[in-house]
Amino acid sequence: MNTIIINLGMDVHTTNFTLCCYTFYNDTFFAETSVPADYREVLKYMDTIRKAQKLSTGADIHRPTGSSLRTS
């Protein structure tokens, strides 16, 4: 099984969150977007990334600190 780690970056403000992903696998940033300041929007973003990257539903997307948000 191959492992590709996708790091989730967040710039948090009172009215919105700016989100993007980074992977060491090919050293790229991708999927930068801004969403309303609501955790449910972050979960939707993560689901979109999982689908776009063809990851399993329970796959973790890690924040740079090494901890993760898990939705399953």
PDB file of N, CA and C in Angstrom:
ATOM      1  N   MET A   1       0.841  -1.181   0.000  1.00  0.00           N
ATOM      2  CA  MET A   1       0.000   0.000   0.000  1.00  0.00           C
ATOM      3  C   MET A   1       0.883   1.240   0.000  1.00  0.00           C
ATOM      4  N   ASN A   2       0.639   2.160  -0.917  1.00  0.00           N
ATOM      5  CA  ASN A   2       1.378   3.414  -0.975  1.00  0.00           C
ATOM      6  C   ASN A   2       0.730   4.439  -0.065  1.00  0.00           C
ATOM      7  N   THR A   3       1.559   5.266   0.554  1.00  0.00           N
ATOM      8  CA  THR A   3       1.062   6.314   1.429  1.00  0.00           C
ATOM      9  C   THR A   3       1.431   7.665   0.850  1.00  0.00           C
ATOM     10  N   ILE A   4       0.437   8.504   0.666  1.00  0.00           N
ATOM     11  CA  ILE A   4       0.664   9.882   0.249  1.00  0.00           C
ATOM     12  C   ILE A   4       0.041  10.759   1.318  1.00  0.00           C
ATOM     13  N   ILE A   5       0.857  11.606   1.917  1.00  0.00           N
ATOM     14  CA  ILE A   5       0.375  12.496   2.978  1.00  0.00           C
ATOM     15  C   ILE A   5       0.007  13.834   2.360  1.00  0.00           C
ATOM     16  N   ILE A   6      -1.215  14.276   2.633  1.00  0.00           N
ATOM     17  CA  ILE A   6      -1.678  15.586   2.186  1.00  0.00           C
ATOM     18  C   ILE A   6      -1.854  16.455   3.422  1.00  0.00           C
ATOM     19  N   ASN A   7      -1.097  17.543   3.474  1.00  0.00           N
ATOM     20  CA  ASN A   7      -1.185  18.480   4.595  1.00  0.00           C
ATOM     21  C   ASN A   7      -2.209  19.553   4.279  1.00  0.00           C
ATOM     22  N   LEU A   8      -3.020  19.880   5.266  1.00  0.00           N
ATOM     23  CA  LEU A   8      -4.046  20.904   5.136  1.00  0.00           C
ATOM     24  C   LEU A   8      -3.577  22.168   5.837  1.00  0.00           C
ATOM     25  N   GLY A   9      -3.517  23.268   5.090  1.00  0.00           N
ATOM     26  CA  GLY A   9      -3.150  24.559   5.663  1.00  0.00           C
ATOM     27  C   GLY A   9      -4.390  25.415   5.841  1.00  0.00           C
ATOM     28  N   MET A  10      -4.456  26.128   6.972  1.00  0.00           N
ATOM     29  CA  MET A  10      -5.618  26.978   7.263  1.00  0.00           C
ATOM     30  C   MET A  10      -5.150  28.349   7.729  1.00  0.00           C
ATOM     31  N   ASP A  11      -5.715  29.375   7.129  1.00  0.00           N
ATOM     32  CA  ASP A  11      -5.541  30.750   7.594  1.00  0.00           C
ATOM     33  C   ASP A  11      -6.900  31.153   8.147  1.00  0.00           C
ATOM     34  N   VAL A  12      -6.993  31.314   9.458  1.00  0.00           N
ATOM     35  CA  VAL A  12      -8.279  31.475  10.141  1.00  0.00           C
ATOM     36  C   VAL A  12      -8.550  32.940  10.473  1.00  0.00           C
ATOM     37  N   HIS A  13      -9.717  33.412  10.047  1.00  0.00           N
ATOM     38  CA  HIS A  13     -10.187  34.765  10.356  1.00  0.00           C
ATOM     39  C   HIS A  13     -11.593  34.659  10.941  1.00  0.00           C
ATOM     40  N   THR A  14     -12.116  35.749  11.449  1.00  0.00           N
ATOM     41  CA  THR A  14     -13.442  35.706  12.067  1.00  0.00           C
ATOM     42  C   THR A  14     -14.549  35.461  11.050  1.00  0.00           C
ATOM     43  N   THR A  15     -14.373  35.910   9.822  1.00  0.00           N
ATOM     44  CA  THR A  15     -15.438  35.764   8.826  1.00  0.00           C
ATOM     45  C   THR A  15     -15.196  34.658   7.804  1.00  0.00           C
ATOM     46  N   ASN A  16     -13.945  34.222   7.643  1.00  0.00           N
ATOM     47  CA  ASN A  16     -13.662  33.181   6.655  1.00  0.00           C
ATOM     48  C   ASN A  16     -12.393  32.402   7.000  1.00  0.00           C
ATOM     49  N   PHE A  17     -12.245  31.242   6.373  1.00  0.00           N
ATOM     50  CA  PHE A  17     -11.042  30.426   6.455  1.00  0.00           C
ATOM     51  C   PHE A  17     -10.473  30.322   5.039  1.00  0.00           C
ATOM     52  N   THR A  18      -9.172  30.477   4.898  1.00  0.00           N
ATOM     53  CA  THR A  18      -8.518  30.207   3.626  1.00  0.00           C
ATOM     54  C   THR A  18      -7.829  28.859   3.774  1.00  0.00           C
ATOM     55  N   LEU A  19      -8.107  27.947   2.847  1.00  0.00           N
ATOM     56  CA  LEU A  19      -7.628  26.578   2.933  1.00  0.00           C
ATOM     57  C   LEU A  19      -6.787  26.233   1.714  1.00  0.00           C
ATOM     58  N   CYS A  20      -5.786  25.379   1.919  1.00  0.00           N
ATOM     59  CA  CYS A  20      -5.032  24.834   0.802  1.00  0.00           C
ATOM     60  C   CYS A  20      -4.416  23.512   1.238  1.00  0.00           C
ATOM     61  N   CYS A  21      -3.957  22.749   0.273  1.00  0.00           N
ATOM     62  CA  CYS A  21      -3.311  21.467   0.543  1.00  0.00           C
ATOM     63  C   CYS A  21      -1.890  21.488   0.013  1.00  0.00           C
ATOM     64  N   TYR A  22      -1.040  20.686   0.648  1.00  0.00           N
ATOM     65  CA  TYR A  22       0.346  20.527   0.223  1.00  0.00           C
ATOM     66  C   TYR A  22       0.709  19.063   0.346  1.00  0.00           C
ATOM     67  N   THR A  23       1.462  18.574  -0.615  1.00  0.00           N
ATOM     68  CA  THR A  23       1.974  17.211  -0.521  1.00  0.00           C
ATOM     69  C   THR A  23       3.467  17.194  -0.830  1.00  0.00           C
ATOM     70  N   PHE A  24       4.222  16.474  -0.004  1.00  0.00           N
ATOM     71  CA  PHE A  24       5.651  16.289  -0.238  1.00  0.00           C
ATOM     72  C   PHE A  24       5.887  15.367  -1.428  1.00  0.00           C
ATOM     73  N   TYR A  25       4.895  14.522  -1.714  1.00  0.00           N
ATOM     74  CA  TYR A  25       5.022  13.522  -2.770  1.00  0.00           C
ATOM     75  C   TYR A  25       5.490  14.151  -4.076  1.00  0.00           C
ATOM     76  N   ASN A  26       4.868  15.255  -4.465  1.00  0.00           N
ATOM     77  CA  ASN A  26       5.325  15.957  -5.665  1.00  0.00           C
ATOM     78  C   ASN A  26       5.600  17.438  -5.396  1.00  0.00           C
ATOM     79  N   ASP A  27       5.764  17.800  -4.113  1.00  0.00           N
ATOM     80  CA  ASP A  27       6.161  19.138  -3.688  1.00  0.00           C
ATOM     81  C   ASP A  27       5.280  20.230  -4.304  1.00  0.00           C
ATOM     82  N   THR A  28       3.953  20.085  -4.118  1.00  0.00           N
ATOM     83  CA  THR A  28       3.044  21.072  -4.683  1.00  0.00           C
ATOM     84  C   THR A  28       1.966  21.504  -3.691  1.00  0.00           C
ATOM     85  N   PHE A  29       1.556  22.752  -3.850  1.00  0.00           N
ATOM     86  CA  PHE A  29       0.375  23.280  -3.180  1.00  0.00           C
ATOM     87  C   PHE A  29      -0.766  23.179  -4.175  1.00  0.00           C
ATOM     88  N   PHE A  30      -1.961  22.894  -3.696  1.00  0.00           N
ATOM     89  CA  PHE A  30      -3.108  22.812  -4.595  1.00  0.00           C
ATOM     90  C   PHE A  30      -4.391  23.052  -3.819  1.00  0.00           C
ATOM     91  N   ALA A  31      -5.458  23.286  -4.553  1.00  0.00           N
ATOM     92  CA  ALA A  31      -6.821  23.425  -4.015  1.00  0.00           C
ATOM     93  C   ALA A  31      -6.972  24.584  -3.031  1.00  0.00           C
ATOM     94  N   GLU A  32      -6.355  25.725  -3.336  1.00  0.00           N
ATOM     95  CA  GLU A  32      -6.508  26.894  -2.469  1.00  0.00           C
ATOM     96  C   GLU A  32      -7.902  27.490  -2.664  1.00  0.00           C
ATOM     97  N   THR A  33      -8.563  27.787  -1.556  1.00  0.00           N
ATOM     98  CA  THR A  33      -9.909  28.357  -1.605  1.00  0.00           C
ATOM     99  C   THR A  33     -10.212  29.076  -0.297  1.00  0.00           C
ATOM    100  N   SER A  34     -11.233  29.905  -0.310  1.00  0.00           N
ATOM    101  CA  SER A  34     -11.744  30.548   0.897  1.00  0.00           C
ATOM    102  C   SER A  34     -13.165  30.072   1.135  1.00  0.00           C
ATOM    103  N   VAL A  35     -13.481  29.808   2.402  1.00  0.00           N
ATOM    104  CA  VAL A  35     -14.817  29.347   2.775  1.00  0.00           C
ATOM    105  C   VAL A  35     -15.296  30.160   3.971  1.00  0.00           C
ATOM    106  N   PRO A  36     -16.619  30.199   4.207  1.00  0.00           N
ATOM    107  CA  PRO A  36     -17.120  30.869   5.415  1.00  0.00           C
ATOM    108  C   PRO A  36     -16.521  30.224   6.676  1.00  0.00           C
ATOM    109  N   ALA A  37     -16.418  30.979   7.729  1.00  0.00           N
ATOM    110  CA  ALA A  37     -15.809  30.509   8.979  1.00  0.00           C
ATOM    111  C   ALA A  37     -16.750  29.546   9.707  1.00  0.00           C
ATOM    112  N   ASP A  38     -16.799  28.323   9.211  1.00  0.00           N
ATOM    113  CA  ASP A  38     -17.663  27.287   9.766  1.00  0.00           C
ATOM    114  C   ASP A  38     -16.951  25.945   9.597  1.00  0.00           C
ATOM    115  N   TYR A  39     -16.793  25.201  10.667  1.00  0.00           N
ATOM    116  CA  TYR A  39     -16.059  23.939  10.601  1.00  0.00           C
ATOM    117  C   TYR A  39     -16.652  22.969   9.583  1.00  0.00           C
ATOM    118  N   ARG A  40     -17.969  23.060   9.356  1.00  0.00           N
ATOM    119  CA  ARG A  40     -18.605  22.165   8.381  1.00  0.00           C
ATOM    120  C   ARG A  40     -18.086  22.425   6.970  1.00  0.00           C
ATOM    121  N   GLU A  41     -17.709  23.664   6.692  1.00  0.00           N
ATOM    122  CA  GLU A  41     -17.129  23.988   5.386  1.00  0.00           C
ATOM    123  C   GLU A  41     -15.753  23.339   5.228  1.00  0.00           C
ATOM    124  N   VAL A  42     -14.997  23.253   6.327  1.00  0.00           N
ATOM    125  CA  VAL A  42     -13.695  22.584   6.292  1.00  0.00           C
ATOM    126  C   VAL A  42     -13.894  21.090   6.033  1.00  0.00           C
ATOM    127  N   LEU A  43     -14.877  20.483   6.674  1.00  0.00           N
ATOM    128  CA  LEU A  43     -15.150  19.059   6.456  1.00  0.00           C
ATOM    129  C   LEU A  43     -15.572  18.801   5.009  1.00  0.00           C
ATOM    130  N   LYS A  44     -16.396  19.697   4.437  1.00  0.00           N
ATOM    131  CA  LYS A  44     -16.790  19.564   3.029  1.00  0.00           C
ATOM    132  C   LYS A  44     -15.569  19.673   2.121  1.00  0.00           C
ATOM    133  N   TYR A  45     -14.680  20.611   2.439  1.00  0.00           N
ATOM    134  CA  TYR A  45     -13.444  20.790   1.669  1.00  0.00           C
ATOM    135  C   TYR A  45     -12.621  19.504   1.703  1.00  0.00           C
ATOM    136  N   MET A  46     -12.482  18.917   2.889  1.00  0.00           N
ATOM    137  CA  MET A  46     -11.705  17.681   3.022  1.00  0.00           C
ATOM    138  C   MET A  46     -12.333  16.547   2.209  1.00  0.00           C
ATOM    139  N   ASP A  47     -13.653  16.448   2.220  1.00  0.00           N
ATOM    140  CA  ASP A  47     -14.323  15.422   1.412  1.00  0.00           C
ATOM    141  C   ASP A  47     -14.063  15.650  -0.072  1.00  0.00           C
ATOM    142  N   THR A  48     -14.087  16.903  -0.496  1.00  0.00           N
ATOM    143  CA  THR A  48     -13.819  17.231  -1.896  1.00  0.00           C
ATOM    144  C   THR A  48     -12.399  16.820  -2.284  1.00  0.00           C
ATOM    145  N   ILE A  49     -11.440  17.078  -1.407  1.00  0.00           N
ATOM    146  CA  ILE A  49     -10.046  16.696  -1.676  1.00  0.00           C
ATOM    147  C   ILE A  49      -9.926  15.180  -1.751  1.00  0.00           C
ATOM    148  N   ARG A  50     -10.558  14.474  -0.815  1.00  0.00           N
ATOM    149  CA  ARG A  50     -10.517  13.006  -0.836  1.00  0.00           C
ATOM    150  C   ARG A  50     -11.033  12.456  -2.165  1.00  0.00           C
ATOM    151  N   LYS A  51     -12.164  12.996  -2.625  1.00  0.00           N
ATOM    152  CA  LYS A  51     -12.754  12.532  -3.889  1.00  0.00           C
ATOM    153  C   LYS A  51     -11.849  12.874  -5.064  1.00  0.00           C
ATOM    154  N   ALA A  52     -11.331  14.101  -5.090  1.00  0.00           N
ATOM    155  CA  ALA A  52     -10.476  14.534  -6.197  1.00  0.00           C
ATOM    156  C   ALA A  52      -9.175  13.722  -6.257  1.00  0.00           C
ATOM    157  N   GLN A  53      -8.656  13.330  -5.095  1.00  0.00           N
ATOM    158  CA  GLN A  53      -7.413  12.563  -5.034  1.00  0.00           C
ATOM    159  C   GLN A  53      -7.670  11.058  -5.012  1.00  0.00           C
ATOM    160  N   LYS A  54      -8.946  10.680  -5.086  1.00  0.00           N
ATOM    161  CA  LYS A  54      -9.364   9.272  -5.075  1.00  0.00           C
ATOM    162  C   LYS A  54      -8.881   8.536  -3.814  1.00  0.00           C
ATOM    163  N   LEU A  55      -9.086   9.198  -2.662  1.00  0.00           N
ATOM    164  CA  LEU A  55      -8.729   8.620  -1.369  1.00  0.00           C
ATOM    165  C   LEU A  55      -9.952   7.947  -0.769  1.00  0.00           C
ATOM    166  N   SER A  56      -9.725   7.010   0.129  1.00  0.00           N
ATOM    167  CA  SER A  56     -10.845   6.344   0.789  1.00  0.00           C
ATOM    168  C   SER A  56     -11.548   7.319   1.729  1.00  0.00           C
ATOM    169  N   THR A  57     -12.798   7.038   2.038  1.00  0.00           N
ATOM    170  CA  THR A  57     -13.614   7.920   2.874  1.00  0.00           C
ATOM    171  C   THR A  57     -12.979   8.159   4.239  1.00  0.00           C
ATOM    172  N   GLY A  58     -12.346   7.151   4.814  1.00  0.00           N
ATOM    173  CA  GLY A  58     -11.756   7.288   6.142  1.00  0.00           C
ATOM    174  C   GLY A  58     -10.335   7.814   6.142  1.00  0.00           C
ATOM    175  N   ALA A  59      -9.813   8.229   4.978  1.00  0.00           N
ATOM    176  CA  ALA A  59      -8.433   8.698   4.900  1.00  0.00           C
ATOM    177  C   ALA A  59      -8.257   9.974   5.713  1.00  0.00           C
ATOM    178  N   ASP A  60      -7.117  10.080   6.362  1.00  0.00           N
ATOM    179  CA  ASP A  60      -6.803  11.276   7.135  1.00  0.00           C
ATOM    180  C   ASP A  60      -6.116  12.303   6.251  1.00  0.00           C
ATOM    181  N   ILE A  61      -6.451  13.569   6.437  1.00  0.00           N
ATOM    182  CA  ILE A  61      -5.710  14.680   5.854  1.00  0.00           C
ATOM    183  C   ILE A  61      -5.117  15.414   7.042  1.00  0.00           C
ATOM    184  N   HIS A  62      -3.790  15.441   7.114  1.00  0.00           N
ATOM    185  CA  HIS A  62      -3.104  15.936   8.302  1.00  0.00           C
ATOM    186  C   HIS A  62      -2.793  17.417   8.231  1.00  0.00           C
ATOM    187  N   ARG A  63      -2.929  18.056   9.388  1.00  0.00           N
ATOM    188  CA  ARG A  63      -2.441  19.418   9.521  1.00  0.00           C
ATOM    189  C   ARG A  63      -0.937  19.335   9.736  1.00  0.00           C
ATOM    190  N   PRO A  64      -0.172  20.386   9.404  1.00  0.00           N
ATOM    191  CA  PRO A  64       1.284  20.339   9.533  1.00  0.00           C
ATOM    192  C   PRO A  64       1.790  19.977  10.920  1.00  0.00           C
ATOM    193  N   THR A  65       0.989  20.170  11.969  1.00  0.00           N
ATOM    194  CA  THR A  65       1.432  19.829  13.317  1.00  0.00           C
ATOM    195  C   THR A  65       1.513  18.323  13.526  1.00  0.00           C
ATOM    196  N   GLY A  66       0.930  17.555  12.608  1.00  0.00           N
ATOM    197  CA  GLY A  66       0.948  16.103  12.726  1.00  0.00           C
ATOM    198  C   GLY A  66      -0.343  15.534  13.281  1.00  0.00           C
ATOM    199  N   SER A  67      -1.180  16.378  13.889  1.00  0.00           N
ATOM    200  CA  SER A  67      -2.481  15.878  14.336  1.00  0.00           C
ATOM    201  C   SER A  67      -3.421  15.883  13.154  1.00  0.00           C
ATOM    202  N   SER A  68      -4.581  15.255  13.287  1.00  0.00           N
ATOM    203  CA  SER A  68      -5.459  15.172  12.127  1.00  0.00           C
ATOM    204  C   SER A  68      -6.909  15.432  12.502  1.00  0.00           C
ATOM    205  N   LEU A  69      -7.669  15.825  11.516  1.00  0.00           N
ATOM    206  CA  LEU A  69      -9.118  15.920  11.648  1.00  0.00           C
ATOM    207  C   LEU A  69      -9.655  14.645  11.037  1.00  0.00           C
ATOM    208  N   ARG A  70     -10.435  13.906  11.748  1.00  0.00           N
ATOM    209  CA  ARG A  70     -10.947  12.646  11.229  1.00  0.00           C
ATOM    210  C   ARG A  70     -12.462  12.725  11.181  1.00  0.00           C
ATOM    211  N   THR A  71     -13.032  12.337  10.070  1.00  0.00           N
ATOM    212  CA  THR A  71     -14.474  12.472   9.904  1.00  0.00           C
ATOM    213  C   THR A  71     -15.173  11.139   9.872  1.00  0.00           C
ATOM    214  N   SER A  72     -14.460  10.043   9.997  1.00  0.00           N
ATOM    215  CA  SER A  72     -15.140   8.743   9.940  1.00  0.00           C
ATOM    216  C   SER A  72     -15.263   8.134  11.322  1.00  0.00           C
TER     217      SER A  72
END
